[in-house]
């Protein structure tokens, strides 16, 4: 295959992913640490230009409406921007999949 025929995934470096973590539970901290060690960065609260944001992950307290006012605002903002908002269990699956796909594309 010539260089002009290379697919985008072969000629470009793997995409960087960032995730917005909302909450303070130990399970969320564990996920964030693991994801960070595998190249997924923690994002700042979302703005209108956050196209590279993979998703938001909220712990059970936040999803149940028991988080702080700031946490609830971040969750509402992410939802308003149509950023997928996941539970911690869903995020583990997505993160592992994203990392696996990035490694096979490299």
Protein backbone atom coordinates (compact mmCIF):
# COMPACT_ATOMS: atom_id res chain seq x y z
CA UNK A 1 0.00 0.00 0.00
CA UNK A 2 1.43 3.39 -0.93
CA UNK A 3 1.43 6.28 1.52
CA UNK A 4 -1.31 7.97 -0.48
CA UNK A 5 -3.51 4.91 0.07
CA UNK A 6 -3.04 4.72 3.85
CA UNK A 7 -6.17 4.94 5.90
CA UNK A 8 -6.59 7.73 8.41
CA UNK A 9 -6.10 5.35 11.34
CA UNK A 10 -2.75 4.20 9.93
CA UNK A 11 -1.35 7.65 9.24
CA UNK A 12 -2.58 9.49 12.34
CA UNK A 13 -1.59 8.99 15.95
CA UNK A 14 -4.30 7.50 18.17
CA UNK A 15 -6.90 9.97 19.40
CA UNK A 16 -6.53 11.31 22.92
CA UNK A 17 -9.51 10.79 25.16
CA UNK A 18 -10.63 12.84 28.11
CA UNK A 19 -13.32 12.07 30.65
CA UNK A 20 -15.15 14.32 33.09
CA UNK A 21 -15.34 12.67 36.51
CA UNK A 22 -18.16 13.89 38.75
CA UNK A 23 -18.20 12.76 42.36
CA UNK A 24 -15.91 11.72 45.17
CA UNK A 25 -16.49 8.01 45.74
CA UNK A 26 -13.55 5.62 46.14
CA UNK A 27 -14.79 3.64 43.12
CA UNK A 28 -14.70 6.75 40.94
CA UNK A 29 -11.21 7.60 42.20
CA UNK A 30 -10.05 4.07 41.36
CA UNK A 31 -11.46 4.33 37.82
CA UNK A 32 -9.87 7.75 37.32
CA UNK A 33 -6.47 6.47 38.49
CA UNK A 34 -6.62 3.39 36.23
CA UNK A 35 -7.78 5.39 33.22
CA UNK A 36 -5.09 8.01 33.77
CA UNK A 37 -2.41 5.31 33.87
CA UNK A 38 -3.67 4.17 30.46
CA UNK A 39 -3.63 7.58 28.79
CA UNK A 40 -7.18 8.80 29.39
CA UNK A 41 -7.00 12.29 30.82
CA UNK A 42 -9.35 13.90 33.30
CA UNK A 43 -11.26 16.82 31.79
CA UNK A 44 -12.23 20.14 33.25
CA UNK A 45 -15.96 20.96 33.51
CA UNK A 46 -17.49 21.02 30.03
CA UNK A 47 -17.67 24.02 27.76
CA UNK A 48 -19.36 24.37 24.39
CA UNK A 49 -16.16 23.40 22.54
CA UNK A 50 -15.54 20.03 24.26
CA UNK A 51 -15.61 17.79 21.18
CA UNK A 52 -12.75 15.61 22.51
CA UNK A 53 -14.62 14.75 25.70
CA UNK A 54 -15.37 11.02 25.53
CA UNK A 55 -17.96 11.08 28.28
CA UNK A 56 -18.82 12.14 31.80
CA UNK A 57 -18.77 9.59 34.62
CA UNK A 58 -20.77 10.27 37.75
CA UNK A 59 -20.80 8.27 40.94
CA UNK A 60 -24.03 6.92 42.42
CA UNK A 61 -24.49 9.83 44.84
CA UNK A 62 -24.39 12.38 42.03
CA UNK A 63 -26.66 10.34 39.77
CA UNK A 64 -29.13 9.93 42.66
CA UNK A 65 -29.22 13.71 43.17
CA UNK A 66 -27.18 13.72 46.39
CA UNK A 67 -24.02 15.37 45.07
CA UNK A 68 -22.94 18.92 45.78
CA UNK A 69 -24.47 21.82 43.91
CA UNK A 70 -21.33 22.08 41.78
CA UNK A 71 -21.45 18.36 40.93
CA UNK A 72 -25.12 18.58 39.97
CA UNK A 73 -24.39 21.62 37.79
CA UNK A 74 -21.58 19.78 35.98
CA UNK A 75 -23.86 16.80 35.35
CA UNK A 76 -26.64 19.04 34.02
CA UNK A 77 -24.17 20.90 31.78
CA UNK A 78 -22.78 17.66 30.35
CA UNK A 79 -26.29 16.40 29.64
CA UNK A 80 -27.25 19.71 28.01
CA UNK A 81 -24.24 19.35 25.70
CA UNK A 82 -25.32 15.78 24.90
CA UNK A 83 -22.14 14.34 26.38
CA UNK A 84 -22.81 10.73 27.37
CA UNK A 85 -23.15 10.48 31.17
CA UNK A 86 -22.21 7.05 32.44
CA UNK A 87 -22.26 5.12 35.67
CA UNK A 88 -18.94 3.88 37.00
CA UNK A 89 -19.65 0.32 35.77
CA UNK A 90 -20.48 1.56 32.27
CA UNK A 91 -17.34 3.70 32.24
CA UNK A 92 -15.07 0.75 33.09
CA UNK A 93 -16.34 -1.06 30.00
CA UNK A 94 -16.06 1.97 27.76
CA UNK A 95 -12.57 2.88 28.96
CA UNK A 96 -11.26 -0.65 28.44
CA UNK A 97 -12.78 -0.73 24.96
CA UNK A 98 -11.39 2.69 24.01
CA UNK A 99 -7.91 1.74 25.20
CA UNK A 100 -8.05 -1.58 23.34
CA UNK A 101 -9.13 0.09 20.11
CA UNK A 102 -6.44 2.74 20.46
CA UNK A 103 -3.77 0.06 20.92
CA UNK A 104 -4.90 -1.95 17.88
CA UNK A 105 -4.94 1.21 15.73
CA UNK A 106 -1.36 2.13 16.70
